[in-house]
Protein backbone atom coordinates (compact mmCIF):
# COMPACT_ATOMS: atom_id res chain seq x y z
CA MET A 1 -44.17 73.21 35.99
CA GLN A 2 -46.80 71.39 34.67
CA LYS A 3 -50.10 70.77 36.27
CA VAL A 4 -50.64 67.76 37.92
CA VAL A 5 -53.96 65.96 36.39
CA GLY A 6 -55.90 63.11 38.72
CA SER A 7 -53.64 60.94 41.32
CA ASN A 8 -52.57 58.93 38.38
CA PRO A 9 -48.60 58.97 38.66
CA ILE A 10 -48.10 58.53 35.04
CA SER A 11 -49.93 61.84 34.54
CA ARG A 12 -46.93 63.48 36.63
CA PHE A 13 -45.06 63.40 33.55
CA PRO A 14 -45.22 65.90 30.85
CA SER A 15 -47.22 65.12 28.17
CA GLN A 16 -44.29 65.28 25.89
CA SER A 17 -42.41 62.62 27.51
CA ARG A 18 -45.63 60.37 27.39
CA SER A 19 -46.27 61.18 23.76
CA SER A 20 -42.43 60.47 23.29
CA VAL A 21 -42.89 56.87 24.48
CA GLY A 22 -46.04 56.44 22.54
CA LEU A 23 -48.61 57.22 25.21
CA LEU A 24 -51.27 60.13 23.80
CA SER A 25 -53.02 60.08 27.18
CA PRO A 26 -52.22 59.25 30.83
CA ALA A 27 -52.66 55.70 31.56
CA ARG A 28 -54.63 54.15 34.10
CA ILE A 29 -54.96 50.90 36.18
CA TYR A 30 -57.34 49.44 33.94
CA ASP A 31 -55.30 49.81 31.24
CA LEU A 32 -53.21 46.86 32.26
CA ARG A 33 -56.20 44.55 32.79
CA SER A 34 -55.27 42.55 29.32
CA THR A 35 -51.62 42.38 30.33
CA VAL A 36 -52.68 41.20 33.74
CA ALA A 37 -55.19 38.77 32.50
CA SER A 38 -52.76 37.45 29.58
CA ASP A 39 -50.10 36.93 32.04
CA ALA A 40 -52.10 35.14 35.04
CA LEU A 41 -53.42 32.46 32.09
CA ALA A 42 -50.08 31.74 30.63
CA ALA A 43 -48.84 31.23 34.28
CA GLY A 44 -51.44 28.90 34.52
CA VAL A 45 -54.43 30.57 36.86
CA SER A 46 -57.53 29.17 35.30
CA ALA A 47 -60.24 30.78 33.46
CA PHE A 48 -62.87 30.51 36.59
CA GLN A 49 -59.97 32.01 38.99
CA LEU A 50 -59.11 34.92 36.95
CA ALA A 51 -63.07 35.57 36.24
CA ARG A 52 -63.81 35.48 39.97
CA VAL A 53 -60.45 37.84 40.66
CA MET A 54 -61.34 40.24 37.86
CA GLY A 55 -65.02 40.60 38.45
CA THR A 56 -66.30 39.38 35.41
CA SER A 57 -67.56 35.98 33.75
CA ILE A 58 -65.74 32.74 32.47
CA LYS A 59 -67.59 33.40 29.29
CA MET A 60 -66.01 36.45 28.65
CA ILE A 61 -62.89 35.45 29.57
CA GLU A 62 -62.56 32.82 27.05
CA LYS A 63 -63.86 35.24 24.41
CA HIS A 64 -61.01 37.88 24.98
CA TYR A 65 -58.33 35.31 25.87
CA GLY A 66 -59.76 31.78 24.28
CA ALA A 67 -56.34 32.02 22.32
CA LEU A 68 -54.34 31.78 25.34
CA LEU A 69 -56.59 28.65 26.46
CA ASP A 70 -55.81 26.77 23.49
CA GLY A 71 -53.34 24.37 25.70
CA SER A 72 -55.57 23.78 28.48
CA GLY A 73 -57.11 20.71 27.06
CA ALA A 74 -53.70 18.63 27.25
CA GLU A 75 -53.17 20.27 30.54
CA ILE A 76 -56.77 18.66 31.94
CA ALA A 77 -55.57 15.76 30.43
CA GLY A 78 -52.70 15.31 32.27
CA ARG A 79 -54.09 16.13 35.67
CA LEU A 80 -56.41 13.75 34.90
CA ASP A 81 -54.36 11.02 33.87
CA ALA A 82 -52.12 12.11 36.90
CA LEU A 83 -55.32 11.61 39.21
CA ASP A 84 -56.08 8.16 37.77
CA ALA A 85 -52.15 7.15 38.74
CA VAL A 86 -52.64 8.43 42.05
CA ARG A 87 -55.87 6.06 42.30
CA GLU A 88 -54.46 2.77 40.89
CA GLN A 89 -51.64 3.42 43.53
CA GLU A 90 -54.26 3.96 46.40
CA ALA A 91 -55.78 0.90 45.19
CA ALA A 92 -52.65 -1.58 45.19
CA ALA A 93 -52.18 -0.07 48.44
CA GLU A 94 -55.16 -1.06 49.78
CA GLN A 95 -54.93 -4.69 48.34
CA VAL A 96 -51.93 -5.23 50.12
CA VAL A 97 -53.14 -4.11 53.19
CA SER A 98 -56.01 -6.16 52.95
CA SER A 99 -54.39 -9.36 52.16
């Protein structure tokens, strides 16, 4: 039986099994950081929220994952349009009440 190195569950697999799937060394949880960040941005998590959770700056999120943020301008515009619509409805409702 092969010796277990560290507490990483992937390191429990024999080296020939790891190499057969393309893992040259045991994977670490940290190795999934980029995947988690990419998936979070694709799911609509803001760069601000992601930076806080990952313990980094918004600048670093933008630097490494900026291509995934390209659609954010349209999303922001849509949210602002929705906010304007709500405010217009509220103003119209106030006019009806005050008349």
